Amino acid sequence: MDKNKLNGQFEVLSPGAEIDPISLRGISPRLPNLDGKRIGLYCNPKRAARPMLGAVERKLKERFPTLEFTYYAASDKLSWLEVEAEKRVIFQEWVKGVDGVITAVGD
């Protein structure tokens, strides 16, 4: 390595990226009750996600017999692709048809 080229200086790079700022929205308010509601169960592609949501569905159905459920299973890709890119329109249509969403990450 040529010592004259280094000259005792180095470049520092930041691991952060410049991005467009997104306004914070906070969490959605809780549903006042679950009777007669339609709940979306969103499962990521990990192995245990669907069985966990199945258990949640059974427990909620015991307490609220009029609940309806619909599943959205993320593809085998990263879950954010569903909501941000490739399947955004499909995901948004699914969300419009539910009163609330429960999600599970199957780790």
Protein backbone atom coordinates (compact mmCIF):
# COMPACT_ATOMS: atom_id res chain seq x y z
CA MET A 1 0.00 0.00 0.00
CA ASP A 2 1.34 3.41 -0.93
CA LYS A 3 1.66 5.51 2.26
CA ASN A 4 1.65 8.73 0.26
CA LYS A 5 -1.83 8.02 -1.07
CA LEU A 6 -3.35 7.51 2.41
CA ASN A 7 -1.88 10.68 3.83
CA GLY A 8 -3.38 9.92 7.24
CA GLN A 9 -6.95 10.45 6.08
CA PHE A 10 -9.89 8.15 5.69
CA GLU A 11 -13.51 8.42 4.61
CA VAL A 12 -16.30 7.71 7.10
CA LEU A 13 -19.55 6.34 5.72
CA SER A 14 -22.88 6.31 7.52
CA PRO A 15 -24.86 3.04 7.58
CA GLY A 16 -28.09 5.06 7.45
CA ALA A 17 -29.81 5.96 4.25
CA GLU A 18 -31.59 9.08 3.15
CA ILE A 19 -35.28 8.32 2.81
CA ASP A 20 -38.49 10.21 2.33
CA PRO A 21 -39.94 10.95 5.76
CA ILE A 22 -43.18 9.18 6.60
CA SER A 23 -45.50 10.81 9.10
CA LEU A 24 -46.11 8.82 12.26
CA ARG A 25 -49.73 7.74 12.66
CA GLY A 26 -49.80 5.88 15.95
CA ILE A 27 -51.73 2.69 16.53
CA SER A 28 -55.35 2.25 15.57
CA PRO A 29 -57.90 2.42 18.37
CA ARG A 30 -59.18 -0.87 19.78
CA LEU A 31 -62.50 -2.16 18.53
CA PRO A 32 -65.18 -1.43 21.16
CA ASN A 33 -66.35 -5.06 20.99
CA LEU A 34 -65.87 -8.04 18.72
CA ASP A 35 -69.45 -9.24 18.30
CA GLY A 36 -70.27 -9.64 14.62
CA LYS A 37 -66.91 -8.32 13.47
CA ARG A 38 -64.74 -9.68 10.66
CA ILE A 39 -61.16 -10.21 11.76
CA GLY A 40 -58.27 -10.57 9.35
CA LEU A 41 -55.56 -13.02 10.33
CA TYR A 42 -52.30 -12.08 8.63
CA CYS A 43 -49.61 -14.71 8.74
CA ASN A 44 -46.09 -14.32 7.51
CA PRO A 45 -44.40 -17.21 5.68
CA LYS A 46 -42.75 -18.70 8.76
CA ARG A 47 -43.79 -22.22 9.71
CA ALA A 48 -45.53 -21.53 13.04
CA ALA A 49 -47.49 -18.43 12.02
CA ARG A 50 -50.58 -20.21 10.66
CA PRO A 51 -50.91 -22.68 13.58
CA MET A 52 -50.58 -19.79 16.05
CA LEU A 53 -53.31 -17.83 14.29
CA GLY A 54 -55.47 -20.96 14.18
CA ALA A 55 -55.21 -21.17 17.97
CA VAL A 56 -56.08 -17.46 18.27
CA GLU A 57 -59.08 -17.98 15.99
CA ARG A 58 -60.39 -20.91 18.06
CA LYS A 59 -60.01 -19.04 21.36
CA LEU A 60 -61.70 -15.89 20.06
CA LYS A 61 -64.51 -17.90 18.47
CA GLU A 62 -65.22 -19.48 21.88
CA ARG A 63 -65.65 -16.04 23.43
CA PHE A 64 -67.31 -14.32 20.45
CA PRO A 65 -69.31 -16.89 18.42
CA THR A 66 -70.44 -14.30 15.84
CA LEU A 67 -66.88 -13.42 14.81
CA GLU A 68 -65.87 -14.10 11.22
CA PHE A 69 -62.29 -14.65 10.12
CA THR A 70 -60.37 -14.28 6.89
CA TYR A 71 -56.72 -15.19 6.34
CA TYR A 72 -54.07 -13.41 4.35
CA ALA A 73 -50.95 -15.50 3.92
CA ALA A 74 -47.83 -13.62 2.89
CA SER A 75 -45.84 -15.23 0.12
CA ASP A 76 -42.56 -16.96 0.73
CA LYS A 77 -40.81 -13.62 0.31
CA LEU A 78 -40.30 -10.94 2.92
CA SER A 79 -43.62 -9.82 4.40
CA TRP A 80 -43.03 -6.17 3.59
CA LEU A 81 -43.28 -6.98 -0.12
CA GLU A 82 -46.95 -7.75 0.44
CA VAL A 83 -47.80 -4.36 1.84
CA GLU A 84 -45.28 -2.14 0.09
CA ALA A 85 -44.70 -3.44 -3.40
CA GLU A 86 -45.69 -6.45 -5.46
CA LYS A 87 -49.03 -7.32 -3.89
CA ARG A 88 -49.95 -3.95 -2.43
CA VAL A 89 -53.32 -3.63 -4.19
CA ILE A 90 -54.38 -7.18 -3.22
CA PHE A 91 -53.34 -6.58 0.38
CA GLN A 92 -55.17 -3.23 0.54
CA GLU A 93 -58.37 -4.81 -0.77
CA TRP A 94 -58.12 -7.53 1.90
CA VAL A 95 -57.62 -4.92 4.63
CA LYS A 96 -60.69 -2.96 3.46
CA GLY A 97 -62.82 -6.05 4.07
CA VAL A 98 -61.96 -6.49 7.76
CA ASP A 99 -62.71 -4.64 10.98
CA GLY A 100 -59.37 -5.51 12.59
CA VAL A 101 -56.22 -7.50 11.92
CA ILE A 102 -54.21 -9.89 14.06
CA THR A 103 -50.79 -10.90 12.82
CA ALA A 104 -48.33 -13.60 13.78
CA VAL A 105 -44.65 -14.07 13.12
CA GLY A 106 -43.88 -17.75 13.34
CA ASP A 107 -40.45 -17.70 14.97
